[in-house]
Amino acid sequence: MVKNKLMDSATESIIQNFSMLFLVPKENVRRQVETAGLESLLQDPINLIKTASQKQKYQAFLKLRQQFQGELTQANINDPKTLAKYSLGAMRDPQSKENFVVIGVNIKNKPVFIESVSLGTINTSIVHPREVFRNAIRNNVVAIFVSHNHPSGDTAPSAEDIQVTKRLVEAGKIIGIPVLDHVIVSSYDVENHFSFKAHGVLEKPTVYNFEKQNEFEME
């Protein structure tokens, strides 16, 4: 019940802000969201953005969003909050769906790629090491971070979350691409997150800053 109220409140706020920004009737925005989902407001708002003025505003908005994302990708991932920001920004419809995100990094912890490898309930059958490490191997990254969201806002890990994490850590050891951390993030606030490393859920949590190390070691 609380989850539904939070989602309804967040969705309504987005609808209202979109309506005010682009001068589109709120009823039209709500209809689009109900039909195609929240992500459609960014990916395919063609039914809402029609006038020259609206299109101009929308293009300016997309440019600003692109610039913001560009600034964000300049930051190294040296703490769980930064990881949470990156991850949430890569998620699709996080208010209603669980996303599992993989971030490959270089020796300075700067992202080389960010991708969502699954959409839906996180479990061992969906989050397979093959999918998680595929781009990491292809891009020759030195390590990865993983993250997923809890639409409910409760970031406490489930037994399944812990099982998935340990499985990926073991796979990373074999492949030679360590999993530096797994962060669970709230769909509504990056301040509300759970770091497996920080909470010691992993038996041997890895370090964030390892630039000066000769090899990747587990603490």
N, C-alpha and C. Protein backbone atom coordinates (compact mmCIF):
# COMPACT_ATOMS: atom_id res chain seq x y z
N MET A 1 0.83 -1.21 0.00
CA MET A 1 0.00 0.00 0.00
C MET A 1 0.87 1.26 0.00
N VAL A 2 1.90 1.25 0.88
CA VAL A 2 2.81 2.39 0.94
C VAL A 2 3.56 2.51 -0.38
N LYS A 3 3.99 1.36 -0.93
CA LYS A 3 4.71 1.35 -2.21
C LYS A 3 3.86 1.99 -3.30
N ASN A 4 2.59 1.60 -3.36
CA ASN A 4 1.70 2.14 -4.40
C ASN A 4 1.52 3.64 -4.24
N LYS A 5 1.41 4.09 -2.99
CA LYS A 5 1.25 5.53 -2.74
C LYS A 5 2.48 6.30 -3.18
N LEU A 6 3.68 5.75 -2.88
CA LEU A 6 4.92 6.40 -3.29
C LEU A 6 5.02 6.48 -4.80
N MET A 7 4.68 5.38 -5.47
CA MET A 7 4.76 5.35 -6.92
C MET A 7 3.76 6.31 -7.54
N ASP A 8 2.52 6.33 -6.99
CA ASP A 8 1.49 7.23 -7.50
C ASP A 8 1.92 8.68 -7.33
N SER A 9 2.51 9.00 -6.18
CA SER A 9 2.95 10.36 -5.90
C SER A 9 4.07 10.78 -6.84
N ALA A 10 5.06 9.89 -7.03
CA ALA A 10 6.18 10.19 -7.91
C ALA A 10 5.73 10.35 -9.35
N THR A 11 4.85 9.45 -9.79
CA THR A 11 4.35 9.51 -11.16
C THR A 11 3.56 10.79 -11.39
N GLU A 12 2.71 11.13 -10.45
CA GLU A 12 1.90 12.34 -10.58
C GLU A 12 2.78 13.59 -10.64
N SER A 13 3.85 13.59 -9.86
CA SER A 13 4.77 14.73 -9.88
C SER A 13 5.44 14.87 -11.24
N ILE A 14 5.86 13.75 -11.83
CA ILE A 14 6.48 13.78 -13.16
C ILE A 14 5.49 14.26 -14.21
N ILE A 15 4.28 13.77 -14.13
CA ILE A 15 3.24 14.19 -15.08
C ILE A 15 2.99 15.69 -14.98
N GLN A 16 2.89 16.18 -13.76
CA GLN A 16 2.64 17.61 -13.56
C GLN A 16 3.80 18.46 -14.08
N ASN A 17 5.02 18.05 -13.79
CA ASN A 17 6.19 18.81 -14.23
C ASN A 17 6.32 18.81 -15.75
N PHE A 18 6.07 17.67 -16.37
CA PHE A 18 6.13 17.58 -17.84
C PHE A 18 5.08 18.49 -18.45
N SER A 19 3.90 18.47 -17.87
CA SER A 19 2.80 19.31 -18.36
C SER A 19 3.15 20.78 -18.27
N MET A 20 3.72 21.20 -17.15
CA MET A 20 4.07 22.60 -16.95
C MET A 20 5.23 23.03 -17.86
N LEU A 21 6.21 22.15 -18.02
CA LEU A 21 7.40 22.50 -18.80
C LEU A 21 7.09 22.65 -20.28
N PHE A 22 6.29 21.74 -20.82
CA PHE A 22 6.04 21.74 -22.26
C PHE A 22 4.64 22.24 -22.63
N LEU A 23 3.90 22.73 -21.62
CA LEU A 23 2.56 23.28 -21.85
C LEU A 23 1.65 22.29 -22.56
N VAL A 24 1.67 21.08 -22.05
CA VAL A 24 0.81 20.01 -22.56
C VAL A 24 -0.25 19.72 -21.50
N PRO A 25 -1.52 19.60 -21.90
CA PRO A 25 -2.56 19.30 -20.91
C PRO A 25 -2.21 18.06 -20.07
N LYS A 26 -2.39 18.19 -18.78
CA LYS A 26 -2.01 17.12 -17.87
C LYS A 26 -2.72 15.80 -18.21
N GLU A 27 -3.97 15.91 -18.66
CA GLU A 27 -4.73 14.71 -19.00
C GLU A 27 -4.07 13.95 -20.15
N ASN A 28 -3.51 14.70 -21.10
CA ASN A 28 -2.84 14.06 -22.24
C ASN A 28 -1.56 13.35 -21.80
N VAL A 29 -0.83 14.00 -20.89
CA VAL A 29 0.40 13.39 -20.38
C VAL A 29 0.07 12.12 -19.60
N ARG A 30 -0.95 12.20 -18.77
CA ARG A 30 -1.35 11.04 -17.97
C ARG A 30 -1.78 9.88 -18.88
N ARG A 31 -2.49 10.19 -19.93
CA ARG A 31 -2.94 9.16 -20.86
C ARG A 31 -1.75 8.45 -21.52
N GLN A 32 -0.74 9.26 -21.89
CA GLN A 32 0.46 8.68 -22.50
C GLN A 32 1.18 7.76 -21.53
N VAL A 33 1.30 8.20 -20.27
CA VAL A 33 1.97 7.39 -19.26
C VAL A 33 1.23 6.08 -19.02
N GLU A 34 -0.09 6.16 -18.94
CA GLU A 34 -0.90 4.97 -18.71
C GLU A 34 -0.80 3.99 -19.87
N THR A 35 -0.62 4.53 -21.07
CA THR A 35 -0.58 3.69 -22.27
C THR A 35 0.81 3.13 -22.54
N ALA A 36 1.83 3.99 -22.42
CA ALA A 36 3.18 3.60 -22.85
C ALA A 36 4.23 3.61 -21.75
N GLY A 37 3.86 4.03 -20.54
CA GLY A 37 4.81 4.06 -19.44
C GLY A 37 5.54 5.39 -19.30
N LEU A 38 6.14 5.60 -18.14
CA LEU A 38 6.85 6.86 -17.86
C LEU A 38 8.00 7.11 -18.82
N GLU A 39 8.72 6.04 -19.18
CA GLU A 39 9.89 6.22 -20.03
C GLU A 39 9.54 6.81 -21.39
N SER A 40 8.28 6.66 -21.80
CA SER A 40 7.87 7.18 -23.11
C SER A 40 7.92 8.70 -23.16
N LEU A 41 7.88 9.36 -21.99
CA LEU A 41 7.95 10.82 -21.98
C LEU A 41 9.32 11.30 -22.45
N LEU A 42 10.34 10.47 -22.29
CA LEU A 42 11.67 10.82 -22.77
C LEU A 42 11.98 10.19 -24.11
N GLN A 43 11.49 8.97 -24.31
CA GLN A 43 11.87 8.22 -25.50
C GLN A 43 10.97 8.46 -26.70
N ASP A 44 9.69 8.68 -26.48
CA ASP A 44 8.78 8.80 -27.61
C ASP A 44 7.57 9.67 -27.28
N PRO A 45 7.78 10.98 -27.08
CA PRO A 45 6.67 11.88 -26.73
C PRO A 45 6.02 12.52 -27.94
N ILE A 46 6.12 11.87 -29.12
CA ILE A 46 5.67 12.48 -30.36
C ILE A 46 4.19 12.87 -30.33
N ASN A 47 3.39 12.13 -29.58
CA ASN A 47 1.96 12.44 -29.51
C ASN A 47 1.67 13.65 -28.63
N LEU A 48 2.68 14.08 -27.86
CA LEU A 48 2.49 15.21 -26.95
C LEU A 48 3.18 16.47 -27.45
N ILE A 49 4.35 16.31 -28.04
CA ILE A 49 5.16 17.44 -28.50
C ILE A 49 4.83 17.71 -29.97
N LYS A 50 4.02 18.73 -30.22
CA LYS A 50 3.53 18.95 -31.59
C LYS A 50 3.86 20.33 -32.15
N THR A 51 3.72 21.36 -31.34
CA THR A 51 3.95 22.72 -31.85
C THR A 51 5.45 23.01 -31.96
N ALA A 52 5.78 24.02 -32.75
CA ALA A 52 7.19 24.41 -32.93
C ALA A 52 7.82 24.81 -31.60
N SER A 53 7.04 25.53 -30.78
CA SER A 53 7.54 25.97 -29.49
C SER A 53 7.82 24.78 -28.57
N GLN A 54 6.91 23.81 -28.56
CA GLN A 54 7.10 22.62 -27.74
C GLN A 54 8.32 21.82 -28.19
N LYS A 55 8.48 21.70 -29.50
CA LYS A 55 9.61 20.95 -30.04
C LYS A 55 10.94 21.62 -29.69
N GLN A 56 10.93 22.96 -29.74
CA GLN A 56 12.14 23.70 -29.40
C GLN A 56 12.51 23.48 -27.93
N LYS A 57 11.50 23.55 -27.07
CA LYS A 57 11.74 23.33 -25.64
C LYS A 57 12.23 21.90 -25.39
N TYR A 58 11.62 20.97 -26.09
CA TYR A 58 11.97 19.57 -25.89
C TYR A 58 13.41 19.30 -26.33
N GLN A 59 13.82 19.87 -27.45
CA GLN A 59 15.19 19.70 -27.93
C GLN A 59 16.19 20.32 -26.95
N ALA A 60 15.82 21.49 -26.40
CA ALA A 60 16.68 22.14 -25.41
C ALA A 60 16.80 21.27 -24.16
N PHE A 61 15.69 20.66 -23.78
CA PHE A 61 15.68 19.78 -22.62
C PHE A 61 16.58 18.56 -22.85
N LEU A 62 16.48 17.96 -24.03
CA LEU A 62 17.30 16.79 -24.35
C LEU A 62 18.79 17.15 -24.36
N LYS A 63 19.09 18.34 -24.87
CA LYS A 63 20.48 18.79 -24.90
C LYS A 63 21.02 18.98 -23.49
N LEU A 64 20.19 19.58 -22.63
CA LEU A 64 20.59 19.79 -21.23
C LEU A 64 20.79 18.45 -20.54
N ARG A 65 19.90 17.52 -20.79
CA ARG A 65 19.99 16.19 -20.20
C ARG A 65 21.27 15.48 -20.67
N GLN A 66 21.57 15.62 -21.95
CA GLN A 66 22.78 15.01 -22.49
C GLN A 66 24.03 15.62 -21.86
N GLN A 67 24.02 16.94 -21.68
CA GLN A 67 25.15 17.61 -21.06
C GLN A 67 25.33 17.16 -19.62
N PHE A 68 24.21 17.02 -18.91
CA PHE A 68 24.26 16.57 -17.52
C PHE A 68 24.84 15.17 -17.43
N GLN A 69 24.38 14.29 -18.32
CA GLN A 69 24.90 12.92 -18.32
C GLN A 69 26.38 12.90 -18.67
N GLY A 70 26.77 13.81 -19.57
CA GLY A 70 28.17 13.91 -19.94
C GLY A 70 29.03 14.33 -18.77
N GLU A 71 28.51 15.28 -17.98
CA GLU A 71 29.24 15.72 -16.78
C GLU A 71 29.35 14.58 -15.78
N LEU A 72 28.26 13.84 -15.64
CA LEU A 72 28.25 12.75 -14.67
C LEU A 72 29.27 11.68 -15.03
N THR A 73 29.38 11.38 -16.34
CA THR A 73 30.28 10.32 -16.75
C THR A 73 31.75 10.70 -16.61
N GLN A 74 32.02 11.96 -16.23
CA GLN A 74 33.41 12.35 -15.98
C GLN A 74 33.86 11.91 -14.59
N ALA A 75 32.91 11.58 -13.73
CA ALA A 75 33.24 11.26 -12.35
C ALA A 75 33.69 9.81 -12.19
N ASN A 76 34.75 9.60 -11.43
CA ASN A 76 35.17 8.25 -11.08
C ASN A 76 34.23 7.71 -10.01
N ILE A 77 34.07 6.41 -9.98
CA ILE A 77 33.22 5.79 -8.97
C ILE A 77 34.08 5.42 -7.78
N ASN A 78 34.09 6.28 -6.79
CA ASN A 78 34.91 6.07 -5.60
C ASN A 78 34.10 5.92 -4.33
N ASP A 79 32.78 5.88 -4.46
CA ASP A 79 31.93 5.69 -3.29
C ASP A 79 30.58 5.15 -3.75
N PRO A 80 29.83 4.52 -2.85
CA PRO A 80 28.55 3.92 -3.22
C PRO A 80 27.53 4.92 -3.76
N LYS A 81 27.54 6.16 -3.26
CA LYS A 81 26.56 7.14 -3.73
C LYS A 81 26.76 7.46 -5.21
N THR A 82 28.01 7.61 -5.63
CA THR A 82 28.28 7.86 -7.05
C THR A 82 27.83 6.68 -7.89
N LEU A 83 28.07 5.48 -7.40
CA LEU A 83 27.61 4.28 -8.09
C LEU A 83 26.09 4.28 -8.20
N ALA A 84 25.41 4.67 -7.12
CA ALA A 84 23.95 4.73 -7.13
C ALA A 84 23.44 5.73 -8.17
N LYS A 85 24.12 6.88 -8.29
CA LYS A 85 23.72 7.90 -9.27
C LYS A 85 23.85 7.37 -10.70
N TYR A 86 24.99 6.79 -10.99
CA TYR A 86 25.21 6.22 -12.32
C TYR A 86 24.13 5.20 -12.65
N SER A 87 23.91 4.30 -11.71
CA SER A 87 23.00 3.19 -11.93
C SER A 87 21.57 3.64 -12.17
N LEU A 88 21.09 4.53 -11.29
CA LEU A 88 19.71 4.99 -11.41
C LEU A 88 19.50 5.71 -12.74
N GLY A 89 20.53 6.42 -13.19
CA GLY A 89 20.42 7.13 -14.46
C GLY A 89 20.32 6.21 -15.65
N ALA A 90 20.75 4.97 -15.50
CA ALA A 90 20.73 4.01 -16.62
C ALA A 90 19.49 3.12 -16.60
N MET A 91 18.65 3.29 -15.59
CA MET A 91 17.51 2.39 -15.43
C MET A 91 16.27 2.86 -16.18
N ARG A 92 15.49 1.91 -16.65
CA ARG A 92 14.24 2.19 -17.34
C ARG A 92 13.07 1.95 -16.38
N ASP A 93 12.23 2.95 -16.25
CA ASP A 93 11.03 2.85 -15.43
C ASP A 93 11.33 2.24 -14.05
N PRO A 94 12.30 2.80 -13.31
CA PRO A 94 12.69 2.20 -12.03
C PRO A 94 11.62 2.27 -10.95
N GLN A 95 10.61 3.13 -11.14
CA GLN A 95 9.54 3.22 -10.14
C GLN A 95 8.65 1.98 -10.12
N SER A 96 8.67 1.21 -11.21
CA SER A 96 7.79 0.04 -11.25
C SER A 96 8.50 -1.26 -11.61
N LYS A 97 9.76 -1.18 -12.08
CA LYS A 97 10.46 -2.40 -12.49
C LYS A 97 11.86 -2.44 -11.89
N GLU A 98 12.29 -3.66 -11.54
CA GLU A 98 13.66 -3.84 -11.09
C GLU A 98 14.59 -3.89 -12.29
N ASN A 99 15.67 -3.14 -12.23
CA ASN A 99 16.70 -3.13 -13.28
C ASN A 99 18.00 -3.62 -12.67
N PHE A 100 18.74 -4.42 -13.42
CA PHE A 100 20.07 -4.83 -12.97
C PHE A 100 21.09 -4.19 -13.90
N VAL A 101 21.95 -3.35 -13.34
CA VAL A 101 22.89 -2.54 -14.13
C VAL A 101 24.33 -2.99 -13.88
N VAL A 102 25.09 -3.04 -14.95
CA VAL A 102 26.52 -3.37 -14.88
C VAL A 102 27.32 -2.18 -15.38
N ILE A 103 28.34 -1.81 -14.63
CA ILE A 103 29.22 -0.70 -15.03
C ILE A 103 30.65 -1.21 -15.08
N GLY A 104 31.23 -1.19 -16.27
CA GLY A 104 32.63 -1.58 -16.43
C GLY A 104 33.52 -0.37 -16.26
N VAL A 105 34.62 -0.51 -15.53
CA VAL A 105 35.49 0.65 -15.25
C VAL A 105 36.94 0.36 -15.63
N ASN A 106 37.68 1.46 -15.81
CA ASN A 106 39.11 1.33 -16.08
C ASN A 106 39.90 1.39 -14.78
N ILE A 107 41.20 1.53 -14.87
CA ILE A 107 42.06 1.49 -13.68
C ILE A 107 41.78 2.64 -12.72
N LYS A 108 41.18 3.73 -13.21
CA LYS A 108 40.86 4.88 -12.36
C LYS A 108 39.41 4.86 -11.86
N ASN A 109 38.73 3.74 -12.08
CA ASN A 109 37.32 3.62 -11.71
C ASN A 109 36.42 4.53 -12.54
N LYS A 110 36.88 4.93 -13.71
CA LYS A 110 36.04 5.72 -14.61
C LYS A 110 35.24 4.77 -15.49
N PRO A 111 33.93 4.98 -15.62
CA PRO A 111 33.10 4.08 -16.43
C PRO A 111 33.55 3.99 -17.88
N VAL A 112 33.63 2.76 -18.36
CA VAL A 112 33.91 2.48 -19.77
C VAL A 112 32.59 2.19 -20.48
N PHE A 113 31.69 1.52 -19.78
CA PHE A 113 30.35 1.27 -20.32
C PHE A 113 29.38 1.14 -19.15
N ILE A 114 28.13 1.43 -19.43
CA ILE A 114 27.04 1.26 -18.46
C ILE A 114 25.90 0.60 -19.21
N GLU A 115 25.40 -0.51 -18.69
CA GLU A 115 24.30 -1.19 -19.38
C GLU A 115 23.36 -1.85 -18.38
N SER A 116 22.11 -1.94 -18.79
CA SER A 116 21.11 -2.68 -18.02
C SER A 116 21.00 -4.06 -18.64
N VAL A 117 21.26 -5.10 -17.85
CA VAL A 117 21.29 -6.46 -18.41
C VAL A 117 20.01 -7.24 -18.14
N SER A 118 19.15 -6.72 -17.28
CA SER A 118 17.88 -7.40 -17.06
C SER A 118 16.85 -6.42 -16.53
N LEU A 119 15.60 -6.73 -16.81
CA LEU A 119 14.49 -5.90 -16.37
C LEU A 119 13.44 -6.82 -15.80
N GLY A 120 13.15 -6.68 -14.52
CA GLY A 120 12.20 -7.56 -13.86
C GLY A 120 12.77 -8.02 -12.53
N THR A 121 12.13 -8.99 -11.90
CA THR A 121 12.57 -9.48 -10.60
C THR A 121 13.98 -10.05 -10.70
N ILE A 122 14.84 -9.63 -9.78
CA ILE A 122 16.23 -10.08 -9.80
C ILE A 122 16.35 -11.45 -9.15
N ASN A 123 16.84 -12.44 -9.90
CA ASN A 123 17.11 -13.75 -9.33
C ASN A 123 18.23 -14.42 -10.11
N THR A 124 18.65 -15.58 -9.63
CA THR A 124 19.81 -16.24 -10.23
C THR A 124 19.55 -16.72 -11.64
N SER A 125 18.31 -16.96 -11.99
CA SER A 125 18.01 -17.44 -13.34
C SER A 125 18.05 -16.31 -14.35
N ILE A 126 17.78 -15.08 -13.92
CA ILE A 126 17.78 -13.93 -14.82
C ILE A 126 19.15 -13.27 -14.88
N VAL A 127 19.77 -13.06 -13.72
CA VAL A 127 21.08 -12.41 -13.67
C VAL A 127 22.16 -13.48 -13.77
N HIS A 128 22.53 -13.81 -14.99
CA HIS A 128 23.52 -14.86 -15.23
C HIS A 128 24.89 -14.23 -15.45
N PRO A 129 25.94 -14.81 -14.89
CA PRO A 129 27.28 -14.26 -15.09
C PRO A 129 27.64 -14.04 -16.56
N ARG A 130 27.14 -14.90 -17.43
CA ARG A 130 27.43 -14.75 -18.85
C ARG A 130 26.99 -13.39 -19.37
N GLU A 131 25.79 -12.95 -18.97
CA GLU A 131 25.27 -11.66 -19.41
C GLU A 131 25.99 -10.51 -18.71
N VAL A 132 26.28 -10.71 -17.45
CA VAL A 132 26.91 -9.64 -16.65
C VAL A 132 28.32 -9.33 -17.14
N PHE A 133 29.08 -10.37 -17.48
CA PHE A 133 30.49 -10.16 -17.84
C PHE A 133 30.74 -10.06 -19.34
N ARG A 134 29.71 -10.22 -20.15
CA ARG A 134 29.91 -10.24 -21.61
C ARG A 134 30.59 -8.97 -22.11
N ASN A 135 30.00 -7.81 -21.79
CA ASN A 135 30.58 -6.55 -22.26
C ASN A 135 31.87 -6.19 -21.52
N ALA A 136 31.99 -6.68 -20.30
CA ALA A 136 33.22 -6.43 -19.54
C ALA A 136 34.41 -7.08 -20.25
N ILE A 137 34.21 -8.29 -20.73
CA ILE A 137 35.26 -8.99 -21.47
C ILE A 137 35.50 -8.31 -22.82
N ARG A 138 34.41 -7.98 -23.49
CA ARG A 138 34.51 -7.36 -24.82
C ARG A 138 35.23 -6.02 -24.77
N ASN A 139 34.98 -5.25 -23.70
CA ASN A 139 35.59 -3.92 -23.57
C ASN A 139 36.91 -3.93 -22.81
N ASN A 140 37.32 -5.12 -22.39
CA ASN A 140 38.61 -5.27 -21.71
C ASN A 140 38.72 -4.37 -20.48
N VAL A 141 37.66 -4.31 -19.68
CA VAL A 141 37.69 -3.48 -18.48
C VAL A 141 38.46 -4.21 -17.37
N VAL A 142 38.88 -3.46 -16.38
CA VAL A 142 39.66 -4.06 -15.30
C VAL A 142 38.79 -4.53 -14.14
N ALA A 143 37.56 -4.03 -14.06
CA ALA A 143 36.67 -4.41 -12.97
C ALA A 143 35.25 -3.95 -13.31
N ILE A 144 34.28 -4.43 -12.55
CA ILE A 144 32.90 -3.99 -12.74
C ILE A 144 32.26 -3.66 -11.40
N PHE A 145 31.27 -2.79 -11.47
CA PHE A 145 30.33 -2.56 -10.37
C PHE A 145 28.98 -3.06 -10.86
N VAL A 146 28.16 -3.55 -9.95
CA VAL A 146 26.80 -3.92 -10.31
C VAL A 146 25.83 -3.24 -9.36
N SER A 147 24.62 -3.08 -9.82
CA SER A 147 23.61 -2.39 -9.01
C SER A 147 22.23 -2.79 -9.48
N HIS A 148 21.28 -2.77 -8.57
CA HIS A 148 19.89 -2.90 -8.98
C HIS A 148 19.02 -2.09 -8.03
N ASN A 149 17.81 -1.85 -8.44
CA ASN A 149 16.90 -1.01 -7.65
C ASN A 149 15.79 -1.84 -7.02
N HIS A 150 15.22 -1.30 -5.95
CA HIS A 150 14.02 -1.85 -5.33
C HIS A 150 12.92 -0.80 -5.48
N PRO A 151 11.96 -1.02 -6.36
CA PRO A 151 10.89 -0.03 -6.56
C PRO A 151 10.13 0.33 -5.29
N SER A 152 10.13 -0.57 -4.31
CA SER A 152 9.41 -0.31 -3.06
C SER A 152 10.07 0.80 -2.25
N GLY A 153 11.35 1.07 -2.52
CA GLY A 153 12.08 2.06 -1.73
C GLY A 153 12.85 1.44 -0.58
N ASP A 154 12.58 0.17 -0.26
CA ASP A 154 13.30 -0.54 0.80
C ASP A 154 14.55 -1.17 0.19
N THR A 155 15.72 -0.69 0.58
CA THR A 155 16.95 -1.15 -0.05
C THR A 155 17.62 -2.33 0.67
N ALA A 156 16.98 -2.87 1.67
CA ALA A 156 17.55 -4.03 2.37
C ALA A 156 17.66 -5.21 1.40
N PRO A 157 18.80 -5.92 1.38
CA PRO A 157 18.96 -7.03 0.44
C PRO A 157 18.15 -8.25 0.84
N SER A 158 17.65 -8.94 -0.15
CA SER A 158 16.96 -10.20 0.09
C SER A 158 17.98 -11.34 0.05
N ALA A 159 17.55 -12.52 0.44
CA ALA A 159 18.44 -13.68 0.37
C ALA A 159 18.86 -13.93 -1.08
N GLU A 160 17.94 -13.69 -2.01
CA GLU A 160 18.24 -13.86 -3.44
C GLU A 160 19.29 -12.85 -3.89
N ASP A 161 19.18 -11.61 -3.40
CA ASP A 161 20.17 -10.57 -3.75
C ASP A 161 21.57 -11.00 -3.31
N ILE A 162 21.66 -11.53 -2.11
CA ILE A 162 22.96 -11.95 -1.57
C ILE A 162 23.51 -13.13 -2.37
N GLN A 163 22.62 -14.06 -2.71
CA GLN A 163 23.04 -15.23 -3.49
C GLN A 163 23.56 -14.82 -4.86
N VAL A 164 22.84 -13.92 -5.53
CA VAL A 164 23.26 -13.43 -6.84
C VAL A 164 24.63 -12.75 -6.75
N THR A 165 24.79 -11.92 -5.72
CA THR A 165 26.03 -11.17 -5.56
C THR A 165 27.23 -12.09 -5.36
N LYS A 166 27.08 -13.07 -4.49
CA LYS A 166 28.19 -13.99 -4.22
C LYS A 166 28.53 -14.81 -5.46
N ARG A 167 27.51 -15.16 -6.22
CA ARG A 167 27.75 -15.92 -7.45
C ARG A 167 28.56 -15.09 -8.45
N LEU A 168 28.22 -13.81 -8.57
CA LEU A 168 28.94 -12.93 -9.49
C LEU A 168 30.37 -12.68 -9.03
N VAL A 169 30.55 -12.53 -7.72
CA VAL A 169 31.90 -12.32 -7.18
C VAL A 169 32.79 -13.53 -7.48
N GLU A 170 32.25 -14.72 -7.31
CA GLU A 170 33.02 -15.93 -7.59
C GLU A 170 33.34 -16.03 -9.08
N ALA A 171 32.37 -15.68 -9.93
CA ALA A 171 32.61 -15.70 -11.37
C ALA A 171 33.69 -14.69 -11.75
N GLY A 172 33.66 -13.52 -11.10
CA GLY A 172 34.66 -12.50 -11.37
C GLY A 172 36.07 -12.96 -11.03
N LYS A 173 36.19 -13.73 -9.95
CA LYS A 173 37.50 -14.26 -9.56
C LYS A 173 38.05 -15.19 -10.64
N ILE A 174 37.17 -16.02 -11.18
CA ILE A 174 37.59 -16.99 -12.20
C ILE A 174 37.98 -16.28 -13.49
N ILE A 175 37.17 -15.29 -13.88
CA ILE A 175 37.41 -14.57 -15.13
C ILE A 175 38.58 -13.61 -15.01
N GLY A 176 38.80 -13.09 -13.81
CA GLY A 176 39.85 -12.09 -13.61
C GLY A 176 39.35 -10.67 -13.72
N ILE A 177 38.03 -10.50 -13.59
CA ILE A 177 37.42 -9.17 -13.58
C ILE A 177 36.64 -9.04 -12.28
N PRO A 178 37.22 -8.44 -11.26
CA PRO A 178 36.57 -8.41 -9.95
C PRO A 178 35.30 -7.56 -9.91
N VAL A 179 34.37 -7.98 -9.08
CA VAL A 179 33.17 -7.19 -8.79
C VAL A 179 33.50 -6.32 -7.58
N LEU A 180 33.61 -5.01 -7.79
CA LEU A 180 34.06 -4.13 -6.71
C LEU A 180 32.97 -3.86 -5.67
N ASP A 181 31.73 -3.83 -6.11
CA ASP A 181 30.64 -3.62 -5.15
C ASP A 181 29.32 -3.89 -5.85
N HIS A 182 28.31 -4.16 -5.06
CA HIS A 182 26.93 -4.26 -5.53
C HIS A 182 26.12 -3.31 -4.66
N VAL A 183 25.46 -2.36 -5.29
CA VAL A 183 24.66 -1.39 -4.56
C VAL A 183 23.19 -1.54 -4.93
N ILE A 184 22.36 -1.62 -3.92
CA ILE A 184 20.91 -1.59 -4.13
C ILE A 184 20.45 -0.16 -3.91
N VAL A 185 19.72 0.37 -4.86
CA VAL A 185 19.31 1.77 -4.78
C VAL A 185 17.79 1.88 -4.76
N SER A 186 17.29 2.85 -4.02
CA SER A 186 15.87 3.15 -4.05
C SER A 186 15.54 3.79 -5.38
N SER A 187 14.34 3.55 -5.89
CA SER A 187 13.94 4.14 -7.16
C SER A 187 13.62 5.62 -7.04
N TYR A 188 13.62 6.14 -5.82
CA TYR A 188 13.17 7.51 -5.61
C TYR A 188 14.26 8.44 -5.08
N ASP A 189 15.34 7.86 -4.53
CA ASP A 189 16.33 8.72 -3.87
C ASP A 189 17.68 8.01 -3.83
N VAL A 190 18.69 8.57 -4.50
CA VAL A 190 20.01 7.93 -4.51
C VAL A 190 20.67 7.96 -3.14
N GLU A 191 20.18 8.83 -2.25
CA GLU A 191 20.73 8.86 -0.89
C GLU A 191 20.37 7.58 -0.15
N ASN A 192 19.28 6.96 -0.56
CA ASN A 192 18.82 5.73 0.08
C ASN A 192 19.36 4.54 -0.72
N HIS A 193 20.49 4.02 -0.30
CA HIS A 193 21.10 2.90 -1.01
C HIS A 193 21.77 1.96 -0.01
N PHE A 194 22.03 0.76 -0.47
CA PHE A 194 22.68 -0.26 0.36
C PHE A 194 23.89 -0.78 -0.39
N SER A 195 25.06 -0.65 0.20
CA SER A 195 26.31 -1.14 -0.39
C SER A 195 26.70 -2.46 0.26
N PHE A 196 26.83 -3.50 -0.54
CA PHE A 196 27.26 -4.79 -0.01
C PHE A 196 28.66 -4.70 0.59
N LYS A 197 29.52 -3.91 -0.04
CA LYS A 197 30.88 -3.73 0.46
C LYS A 197 30.87 -3.04 1.82
N ALA A 198 30.15 -1.91 1.90
CA ALA A 198 30.15 -1.12 3.12
C ALA A 198 29.55 -1.88 4.30
N HIS A 199 28.57 -2.75 4.02
CA HIS A 199 27.91 -3.48 5.09
C HIS A 199 28.54 -4.84 5.37
N GLY A 200 29.59 -5.17 4.62
CA GLY A 200 30.29 -6.42 4.89
C GLY A 200 29.49 -7.66 4.59
N VAL A 201 28.50 -7.54 3.69
CA VAL A 201 27.70 -8.71 3.34
C VAL A 201 28.54 -9.73 2.59
N LEU A 202 29.44 -9.23 1.74
CA LEU A 202 30.36 -10.12 1.05
C LEU A 202 31.44 -10.57 2.02
N GLU A 203 31.88 -11.79 1.90
CA GLU A 203 32.90 -12.32 2.81
C GLU A 203 34.20 -11.54 2.70
N LYS A 204 34.57 -11.19 1.47
CA LYS A 204 35.80 -10.44 1.24
C LYS A 204 35.49 -9.25 0.34
N PRO A 205 34.95 -8.18 0.90
CA PRO A 205 34.60 -7.03 0.08
C PRO A 205 35.81 -6.43 -0.60
N THR A 206 35.63 -5.97 -1.82
CA THR A 206 36.74 -5.41 -2.58
C THR A 206 36.90 -3.93 -2.31
N VAL A 207 38.03 -3.40 -2.71
CA VAL A 207 38.32 -1.99 -2.49
C VAL A 207 37.78 -1.16 -3.64
N TYR A 208 37.47 0.09 -3.35
CA TYR A 208 37.06 1.01 -4.41
C TYR A 208 38.28 1.61 -5.09
N ASN A 209 39.19 2.11 -4.31
CA ASN A 209 40.37 2.78 -4.87
C ASN A 209 41.53 1.79 -4.97
N PHE A 210 41.85 1.39 -6.18
CA PHE A 210 42.91 0.42 -6.33
C PHE A 210 43.89 0.83 -7.42
N GLU A 211 43.91 2.10 -7.76
CA GLU A 211 44.73 2.59 -8.87
C GLU A 211 46.21 2.27 -8.69
N LYS A 212 46.69 2.33 -7.43
CA LYS A 212 48.12 2.17 -7.19
C LYS A 212 48.51 0.72 -6.92
N GLN A 213 47.51 -0.18 -6.91
CA GLN A 213 47.82 -1.57 -6.66
C GLN A 213 48.38 -2.23 -7.92
N ASN A 214 49.26 -3.18 -7.73
CA ASN A 214 49.83 -3.90 -8.87
C ASN A 214 48.88 -4.97 -9.38
N GLU A 215 48.01 -5.44 -8.52
CA GLU A 215 47.04 -6.43 -8.94
C GLU A 215 45.79 -6.25 -8.09
N PHE A 216 44.71 -6.89 -8.51
CA PHE A 216 43.46 -6.76 -7.80
C PHE A 216 43.42 -7.79 -6.68
N GLU A 217 43.37 -7.30 -5.47
CA GLU A 217 43.35 -8.19 -4.33
C GLU A 217 42.08 -7.95 -3.52
N MET A 218 41.63 -8.99 -2.88
CA MET A 218 40.48 -8.89 -2.00
C MET A 218 40.99 -8.60 -0.61
N GLU A 219 40.32 -7.68 0.08
CA GLU A 219 40.77 -7.32 1.42
C GLU A 219 40.58 -8.49 2.38
